Amino acid sequence: MEEQRFWIAYAPANHVYPIEIGIKKVAYDDVRYEPELIRGLCLKHCKNFGLSGKCPPKAPLFPDLADPGDELVFIYATFYPQFKTVAVQRCRQIYVHWRSQDQILTALLHQLGSKLGEQFPGWVLGAGHCRRCDRKKCTVTTDPGTCAHPQQRTFSMEATGINVVSMVQEHFGITLRWYKRDASFDLPMTKCGLLISKADLDLADVFKVVTHHYQLIEEPNHPT
């Protein structure tokens, strides 16, 4: 399958972060769909289970969103630790480091997903909770149980039953890491998304959308 890896400049809040991006076309059967395992882990370990319409058990499953004939593009974004702000680098609380990287990548994938969704009919699965409404105002979890903004509703890959850990290792050779209190301050973080297009597309089309909205940059020296 086609694959491209490149770097972009992501600049929220007047700070520029170099981010590594990977995009790869995958087949429907390449998606590691393991709903019982993944949703079981969500139930056991995630405090957000059942609290919003993007989370299990309210979120749709992958086969509800995609058909075997759809065009699929698997996306990853990696934040390397040397690009943290000075304030974060000086902090000795591992949670601050972890949370900083997490917020940057989740916001980027949500924003990128919106841009891709405007160009390609279908769905864009991302990372983290749906950002359209505050979770306390999510109508999916209350009567009448329907989404107030269905065209802007988002889901994470995991919420639809996809084993992201297995997929990103298989397709990009990347090992996902999770927050631990004794984790290193110098670990990169990766988050993933999946474009589900109902129309034909080339990987070059996706690359054009990404680089239209984000500055393409050369690979920085010695990422770790």
C-alpha atoms as a PDB file:
ATOM      1  CA  MET A   1       0.000   0.000   0.000  1.00  0.00           C
ATOM      2  CA  GLU A   2       1.043   3.604  -0.613  1.00  0.00           C
ATOM      3  CA  GLU A   3       2.664   5.460   2.291  1.00  0.00           C
ATOM      4  CA  GLN A   4       4.114   8.915   2.943  1.00  0.00           C
ATOM      5  CA  ARG A   5       5.911  10.369   5.974  1.00  0.00           C
ATOM      6  CA  PHE A   6       6.674  14.053   6.345  1.00  0.00           C
ATOM      7  CA  TRP A   7       6.883  16.924   8.849  1.00  0.00           C
ATOM      8  CA  ILE A   8       4.555  19.877   9.376  1.00  0.00           C
ATOM      9  CA  ALA A   9       4.620  22.982  11.552  1.00  0.00           C
ATOM     10  CA  TYR A  10       1.622  23.073  13.913  1.00  0.00           C
ATOM     11  CA  ALA A  11       1.170  26.492  15.499  1.00  0.00           C
ATOM     12  CA  PRO A  12      -1.561  26.781  18.125  1.00  0.00           C
ATOM     13  CA  ALA A  13      -1.400  29.648  20.649  1.00  0.00           C
ATOM     14  CA  ASN A  14       1.558  31.377  18.958  1.00  0.00           C
ATOM     15  CA  HIS A  15       3.958  28.478  19.474  1.00  0.00           C
ATOM     16  CA  VAL A  16       5.272  26.347  16.595  1.00  0.00           C
ATOM     17  CA  TYR A  17       5.585  22.591  17.096  1.00  0.00           C
ATOM     18  CA  PRO A  18       7.294  20.357  14.504  1.00  0.00           C
ATOM     19  CA  ILE A  19       5.085  17.268  14.101  1.00  0.00           C
ATOM     20  CA  GLU A  20       5.857  14.101  12.173  1.00  0.00           C
ATOM     21  CA  ILE A  21       2.951  12.889  10.046  1.00  0.00           C
ATOM     22  CA  GLY A  22       2.416   9.544   8.351  1.00  0.00           C
ATOM     23  CA  ILE A  23      -0.375   8.633   5.910  1.00  0.00           C
ATOM     24  CA  LYS A  24      -1.000   5.245   4.343  1.00  0.00           C
ATOM     25  CA  LYS A  25      -3.790   3.722   2.287  1.00  0.00           C
ATOM     26  CA  VAL A  26      -5.082   0.539   3.890  1.00  0.00           C
ATOM     27  CA  ALA A  27      -7.650  -2.045   2.892  1.00  0.00           C
ATOM     28  CA  TYR A  28     -10.872  -2.663   4.832  1.00  0.00           C
ATOM     29  CA  ASP A  29      -9.546  -6.035   5.993  1.00  0.00           C
ATOM     30  CA  ASP A  30      -6.315  -4.399   7.216  1.00  0.00           C
ATOM     31  CA  VAL A  31      -8.230  -2.628   9.989  1.00  0.00           C
ATOM     32  CA  ARG A  32      -7.717  -4.472  13.271  1.00  0.00           C
ATOM     33  CA  TYR A  33     -11.354  -4.611  14.335  1.00  0.00           C
ATOM     34  CA  GLU A  34     -11.557  -6.214  17.808  1.00  0.00           C
ATOM     35  CA  PRO A  35     -14.600  -4.645  19.492  1.00  0.00           C
ATOM     36  CA  GLU A  36     -14.944  -7.007  22.444  1.00  0.00           C
ATOM     37  CA  LEU A  37     -11.299  -6.576  23.455  1.00  0.00           C
ATOM     38  CA  ILE A  38     -11.083  -2.819  22.897  1.00  0.00           C
ATOM     39  CA  ARG A  39     -14.451  -1.875  24.352  1.00  0.00           C
ATOM     40  CA  GLY A  40     -13.735  -4.134  27.302  1.00  0.00           C
ATOM     41  CA  LEU A  41     -10.539  -2.178  27.942  1.00  0.00           C
ATOM     42  CA  CYS A  42     -12.476   1.081  27.649  1.00  0.00           C
ATOM     43  CA  LEU A  43     -14.997  -0.133  30.236  1.00  0.00           C
ATOM     44  CA  LYS A  44     -12.254  -1.254  32.607  1.00  0.00           C
ATOM     45  CA  HIS A  45      -9.778   1.616  32.306  1.00  0.00           C
ATOM     46  CA  CYS A  46     -11.494   4.750  30.934  1.00  0.00           C
ATOM     47  CA  LYS A  47     -13.484   7.017  33.251  1.00  0.00           C
ATOM     48  CA  ASN A  48     -15.306   8.488  30.231  1.00  0.00           C
ATOM     49  CA  PHE A  49     -17.025   5.216  29.286  1.00  0.00           C
ATOM     50  CA  GLY A  50     -20.687   5.928  28.607  1.00  0.00           C
ATOM     51  CA  LEU A  51     -20.442   9.647  29.422  1.00  0.00           C
ATOM     52  CA  SER A  52     -20.749  11.026  25.897  1.00  0.00           C
ATOM     53  CA  GLY A  53     -22.018  10.093  22.469  1.00  0.00           C
ATOM     54  CA  LYS A  54     -18.530   9.572  21.091  1.00  0.00           C
ATOM     55  CA  CYS A  55     -17.687   6.921  23.695  1.00  0.00           C
ATOM     56  CA  PRO A  56     -18.722   3.281  23.972  1.00  0.00           C
ATOM     57  CA  PRO A  57     -21.365   2.014  24.189  1.00  0.00           C
ATOM     58  CA  LYS A  58     -23.053   4.937  22.384  1.00  0.00           C
ATOM     59  CA  ALA A  59     -20.448   5.244  19.631  1.00  0.00           C
ATOM     60  CA  PRO A  60     -21.049   3.260  16.425  1.00  0.00           C
ATOM     61  CA  LEU A  61     -18.833   0.328  15.546  1.00  0.00           C
ATOM     62  CA  PHE A  62     -16.402   0.425  12.628  1.00  0.00           C
ATOM     63  CA  PRO A  63     -18.645  -1.659  10.282  1.00  0.00           C
ATOM     64  CA  ASP A  64     -21.465   0.846  10.931  1.00  0.00           C
ATOM     65  CA  LEU A  65     -19.321   3.605   9.405  1.00  0.00           C
ATOM     66  CA  ALA A  66     -17.284   1.835   6.722  1.00  0.00           C
ATOM     67  CA  ASP A  67     -18.001  -0.541   3.848  1.00  0.00           C
ATOM     68  CA  PRO A  68     -15.494  -2.904   2.187  1.00  0.00           C
ATOM     69  CA  GLY A  69     -15.412  -0.714  -0.925  1.00  0.00           C
ATOM     70  CA  ASP A  70     -14.515   2.506   0.906  1.00  0.00           C
ATOM     71  CA  GLU A  71     -11.147   4.210   0.559  1.00  0.00           C
ATOM     72  CA  LEU A  72      -9.272   4.174   3.894  1.00  0.00           C
ATOM     73  CA  VAL A  73      -6.253   6.264   4.891  1.00  0.00           C
ATOM     74  CA  PHE A  74      -4.505   5.527   8.183  1.00  0.00           C
ATOM     75  CA  ILE A  75      -2.876   8.603   9.734  1.00  0.00           C
ATOM     76  CA  TYR A  76      -0.445   9.120  12.591  1.00  0.00           C
ATOM     77  CA  ALA A  77       1.014  12.219  14.228  1.00  0.00           C
ATOM     78  CA  THR A  78       4.091  12.053  16.489  1.00  0.00           C
ATOM     79  CA  PHE A  79       5.292  14.723  18.922  1.00  0.00           C
ATOM     80  CA  TYR A  80       8.944  14.429  19.949  1.00  0.00           C
ATOM     81  CA  PRO A  81       9.957  15.540  23.472  1.00  0.00           C
ATOM     82  CA  GLN A  82      12.655  18.023  22.470  1.00  0.00           C
ATOM     83  CA  PHE A  83       9.962  20.260  20.969  1.00  0.00           C
ATOM     84  CA  LYS A  84       8.095  20.873  24.234  1.00  0.00           C
ATOM     85  CA  THR A  85       7.930  24.451  25.472  1.00  0.00           C
ATOM     86  CA  VAL A  86      10.611  25.595  27.908  1.00  0.00           C
ATOM     87  CA  ALA A  87       8.034  25.766  30.700  1.00  0.00           C
ATOM     88  CA  VAL A  88       7.039  22.123  30.204  1.00  0.00           C
ATOM     89  CA  GLN A  89      10.647  20.967  29.907  1.00  0.00           C
ATOM     90  CA  ARG A  90      11.478  22.592  33.238  1.00  0.00           C
ATOM     91  CA  CYS A  91       8.559  20.946  35.017  1.00  0.00           C
ATOM     92  CA  ARG A  92       9.400  17.761  36.934  1.00  0.00           C
ATOM     93  CA  GLN A  93       5.867  16.380  37.023  1.00  0.00           C
ATOM     94  CA  ILE A  94       5.535  13.611  34.447  1.00  0.00           C
ATOM     95  CA  TYR A  95       1.782  14.156  34.114  1.00  0.00           C
ATOM     96  CA  VAL A  96       2.366  17.735  32.896  1.00  0.00           C
ATOM     97  CA  HIS A  97       4.695  16.461  30.161  1.00  0.00           C
ATOM     98  CA  TRP A  98       2.283  13.723  29.148  1.00  0.00           C
ATOM     99  CA  ARG A  99      -0.804  15.939  29.222  1.00  0.00           C
ATOM    100  CA  SER A 100       0.905  18.668  27.184  1.00  0.00           C
ATOM    101  CA  GLN A 101       1.778  16.303  24.336  1.00  0.00           C
ATOM    102  CA  ASP A 102      -1.631  14.650  24.516  1.00  0.00           C
ATOM    103  CA  GLN A 103      -3.533  17.936  24.204  1.00  0.00           C
ATOM    104  CA  ILE A 104      -1.419  19.142  21.287  1.00  0.00           C
ATOM    105  CA  LEU A 105      -1.818  15.948  19.242  1.00  0.00           C
ATOM    106  CA  THR A 106      -5.512  15.489  20.031  1.00  0.00           C
ATOM    107  CA  ALA A 107      -6.282  19.066  18.987  1.00  0.00           C
ATOM    108  CA  LEU A 108      -4.229  18.670  15.816  1.00  0.00           C
ATOM    109  CA  LEU A 109      -5.959  15.450  14.766  1.00  0.00           C
ATOM    110  CA  HIS A 110      -9.379  16.937  15.508  1.00  0.00           C
ATOM    111  CA  GLN A 111      -8.571  20.004  13.415  1.00  0.00           C
ATOM    112  CA  LEU A 112      -7.019  17.946  10.621  1.00  0.00           C
ATOM    113  CA  GLY A 113      -9.999  15.601  10.669  1.00  0.00           C
ATOM    114  CA  SER A 114     -12.340  18.539  10.136  1.00  0.00           C
ATOM    115  CA  LYS A 115     -10.306  19.699   7.128  1.00  0.00           C
ATOM    116  CA  LEU A 116     -10.242  16.214   5.601  1.00  0.00           C
ATOM    117  CA  GLY A 117     -13.946  15.758   6.266  1.00  0.00           C
ATOM    118  CA  GLU A 118     -14.692  18.895   4.252  1.00  0.00           C
ATOM    119  CA  GLN A 119     -12.936  17.404   1.217  1.00  0.00           C
ATOM    120  CA  PHE A 120     -13.813  13.725   1.351  1.00  0.00           C
ATOM    121  CA  PRO A 121     -17.363  12.409   1.968  1.00  0.00           C
ATOM    122  CA  GLY A 122     -17.441   9.887   4.789  1.00  0.00           C
ATOM    123  CA  TRP A 123     -15.968   9.853   8.275  1.00  0.00           C
ATOM    124  CA  VAL A 124     -12.694  10.776   9.959  1.00  0.00           C
ATOM    125  CA  LEU A 125     -11.965   8.859  13.165  1.00  0.00           C
ATOM    126  CA  GLY A 126      -9.539  10.605  15.493  1.00  0.00           C
ATOM    127  CA  ALA A 127      -8.295  10.552  19.065  1.00  0.00           C
ATOM    128  CA  GLY A 128      -9.904  11.694  22.280  1.00  0.00           C
ATOM    129  CA  HIS A 129     -13.444  12.781  23.021  1.00  0.00           C
ATOM    130  CA  CYS A 130     -15.837  14.594  20.681  1.00  0.00           C
ATOM    131  CA  ARG A 131     -15.022  18.313  20.830  1.00  0.00           C
ATOM    132  CA  ARG A 132     -18.258  19.689  19.347  1.00  0.00           C
ATOM    133  CA  CYS A 133     -20.130  19.944  22.659  1.00  0.00           C
ATOM    134  CA  ASP A 134     -19.234  19.867  26.318  1.00  0.00           C
ATOM    135  CA  ARG A 135     -19.678  16.295  27.574  1.00  0.00           C
ATOM    136  CA  LYS A 136     -22.255  17.505  30.126  1.00  0.00           C
ATOM    137  CA  LYS A 137     -24.353  18.900  27.255  1.00  0.00           C
ATOM    138  CA  CYS A 138     -24.102  15.835  24.994  1.00  0.00           C
ATOM    139  CA  THR A 139     -27.662  15.002  23.905  1.00  0.00           C
ATOM    140  CA  VAL A 140     -26.750  11.475  22.804  1.00  0.00           C
ATOM    141  CA  THR A 141     -26.660  10.368  26.435  1.00  0.00           C
ATOM    142  CA  THR A 142     -29.954  12.045  27.353  1.00  0.00           C
ATOM    143  CA  ASP A 143     -33.483  12.093  25.993  1.00  0.00           C
ATOM    144  CA  PRO A 144     -34.235  12.009  23.120  1.00  0.00           C
ATOM    145  CA  GLY A 145     -30.845  10.373  22.662  1.00  0.00           C
ATOM    146  CA  THR A 146     -29.949  11.934  19.329  1.00  0.00           C
ATOM    147  CA  CYS A 147     -26.938  14.068  18.457  1.00  0.00           C
ATOM    148  CA  ALA A 148     -27.646  17.810  18.208  1.00  0.00           C
ATOM    149  CA  HIS A 149     -24.856  18.203  15.637  1.00  0.00           C
ATOM    150  CA  PRO A 150     -24.605  14.883  13.750  1.00  0.00           C
ATOM    151  CA  GLN A 151     -22.489  16.290  10.911  1.00  0.00           C
ATOM    152  CA  GLN A 152     -19.847  17.476  13.391  1.00  0.00           C
ATOM    153  CA  ARG A 153     -19.894  14.508  15.753  1.00  0.00           C
ATOM    154  CA  THR A 154     -16.541  12.752  16.045  1.00  0.00           C
ATOM    155  CA  PHE A 155     -15.324   9.396  17.324  1.00  0.00           C
ATOM    156  CA  SER A 156     -11.963   7.990  18.285  1.00  0.00           C
ATOM    157  CA  MET A 157     -10.734   4.893  16.485  1.00  0.00           C
ATOM    158  CA  GLU A 158     -10.832   2.924  19.738  1.00  0.00           C
ATOM    159  CA  ALA A 159     -14.456   3.892  20.384  1.00  0.00           C
ATOM    160  CA  THR A 160     -15.469   2.073  17.186  1.00  0.00           C
ATOM    161  CA  GLY A 161     -13.695  -1.117  18.265  1.00  0.00           C
ATOM    162  CA  ILE A 162     -10.396  -0.709  16.391  1.00  0.00           C
ATOM    163  CA  ASN A 163      -7.165  -1.988  17.969  1.00  0.00           C
ATOM    164  CA  VAL A 164      -5.003   1.066  17.275  1.00  0.00           C
ATOM    165  CA  VAL A 165      -1.983  -0.331  19.145  1.00  0.00           C
ATOM    166  CA  SER A 166      -1.837  -3.316  16.811  1.00  0.00           C
ATOM    167  CA  MET A 167      -2.549  -1.310  13.651  1.00  0.00           C
ATOM    168  CA  VAL A 168       0.084   1.390  14.130  1.00  0.00           C
ATOM    169  CA  GLN A 169       2.717  -1.193  15.008  1.00  0.00           C
ATOM    170  CA  GLU A 170       1.896  -3.266  11.937  1.00  0.00           C
ATOM    171  CA  HIS A 171       1.637  -0.463   9.396  1.00  0.00           C
ATOM    172  CA  PHE A 172       4.138   2.107  10.685  1.00  0.00           C
ATOM    173  CA  GLY A 173       6.353   0.157  13.101  1.00  0.00           C
ATOM    174  CA  ILE A 174       5.427   2.544  15.937  1.00  0.00           C
ATOM    175  CA  THR A 175       4.924   1.426  19.534  1.00  0.00           C
ATOM    176  CA  LEU A 176       2.258   3.409  21.362  1.00  0.00           C
ATOM    177  CA  ARG A 177       3.089   4.392  24.931  1.00  0.00           C
ATOM    178  CA  TRP A 178       0.717   5.079  27.804  1.00  0.00           C
ATOM    179  CA  TYR A 179       0.896   7.368  30.791  1.00  0.00           C
ATOM    180  CA  LYS A 180       2.675   5.953  33.824  1.00  0.00           C
ATOM    181  CA  ARG A 181       3.813   7.835  36.899  1.00  0.00           C
ATOM    182  CA  ASP A 182       7.338   6.463  36.554  1.00  0.00           C
ATOM    183  CA  ALA A 183       7.565   7.040  32.780  1.00  0.00           C
ATOM    184  CA  SER A 184      10.502   8.839  31.194  1.00  0.00           C
ATOM    185  CA  PHE A 185      10.258  12.577  30.511  1.00  0.00           C
ATOM    186  CA  ASP A 186      11.840  12.002  27.094  1.00  0.00           C
ATOM    187  CA  LEU A 187       9.358   9.749  25.315  1.00  0.00           C
ATOM    188  CA  PRO A 188       7.679  10.707  22.039  1.00  0.00           C
ATOM    189  CA  MET A 189       3.909  10.454  21.798  1.00  0.00           C
ATOM    190  CA  THR A 190       1.902   9.232  18.813  1.00  0.00           C
ATOM    191  CA  LYS A 191      -1.822   9.502  18.113  1.00  0.00           C
ATOM    192  CA  CYS A 192      -3.731   8.120  15.146  1.00  0.00           C
ATOM    193  CA  GLY A 193      -6.697   8.769  12.895  1.00  0.00           C
ATOM    194  CA  LEU A 194      -8.517   6.991  10.079  1.00  0.00           C
ATOM    195  CA  LEU A 195     -10.080   8.646   7.032  1.00  0.00           C
ATOM    196  CA  ILE A 196     -13.055   6.695   5.673  1.00  0.00           C
ATOM    197  CA  SER A 197     -13.930   8.076   2.239  1.00  0.00           C
ATOM    198  CA  LYS A 198     -16.967   7.093   0.215  1.00  0.00           C
ATOM    199  CA  ALA A 199     -15.288   8.496  -2.903  1.00  0.00           C
ATOM    200  CA  ASP A 200     -12.145   7.413  -4.727  1.00  0.00           C
ATOM    201  CA  LEU A 201      -8.984   9.203  -3.671  1.00  0.00           C
ATOM    202  CA  ASP A 202      -5.239   9.087  -4.098  1.00  0.00           C
ATOM    203  CA  LEU A 203      -2.832   9.470  -1.212  1.00  0.00           C
ATOM    204  CA  ALA A 204      -1.592  12.586  -2.997  1.00  0.00           C
ATOM    205  CA  ASP A 205      -5.048  14.121  -2.469  1.00  0.00           C
ATOM    206  CA  VAL A 206      -4.732  13.678   1.285  1.00  0.00           C
ATOM    207  CA  PHE A 207      -1.186  15.056   1.248  1.00  0.00           C
ATOM    208  CA  LYS A 208      -2.401  18.158  -0.595  1.00  0.00           C
ATOM    209  CA  VAL A 209      -5.093  18.839   2.001  1.00  0.00           C
ATOM    210  CA  VAL A 210      -2.671  18.435   4.901  1.00  0.00           C
ATOM    211  CA  THR A 211       0.018  20.636   3.403  1.00  0.00           C
ATOM    212  CA  HIS A 212      -2.520  23.236   2.306  1.00  0.00           C
ATOM    213  CA  HIS A 213      -3.499  23.859   5.926  1.00  0.00           C
ATOM    214  CA  TYR A 214      -0.131  23.220   7.606  1.00  0.00           C
ATOM    215  CA  GLN A 215       3.330  24.339   6.557  1.00  0.00           C
ATOM    216  CA  LEU A 216       5.475  21.511   5.199  1.00  0.00           C
ATOM    217  CA  ILE A 217       8.938  21.588   6.822  1.00  0.00           C
ATOM    218  CA  GLU A 218      12.168  19.649   6.589  1.00  0.00           C
ATOM    219  CA  GLU A 219      12.809  16.931   9.142  1.00  0.00           C
ATOM    220  CA  PRO A 220      14.407  18.524  12.242  1.00  0.00           C
ATOM    221  CA  ASN A 221      17.801  17.313  13.354  1.00  0.00           C
ATOM    222  CA  HIS A 222      18.052  14.110  15.370  1.00  0.00           C
ATOM    223  CA  PRO A 223      14.512  13.385  16.635  1.00  0.00           C
ATOM    224  CA  THR A 224      14.643  10.847  19.463  1.00  0.00           C
END
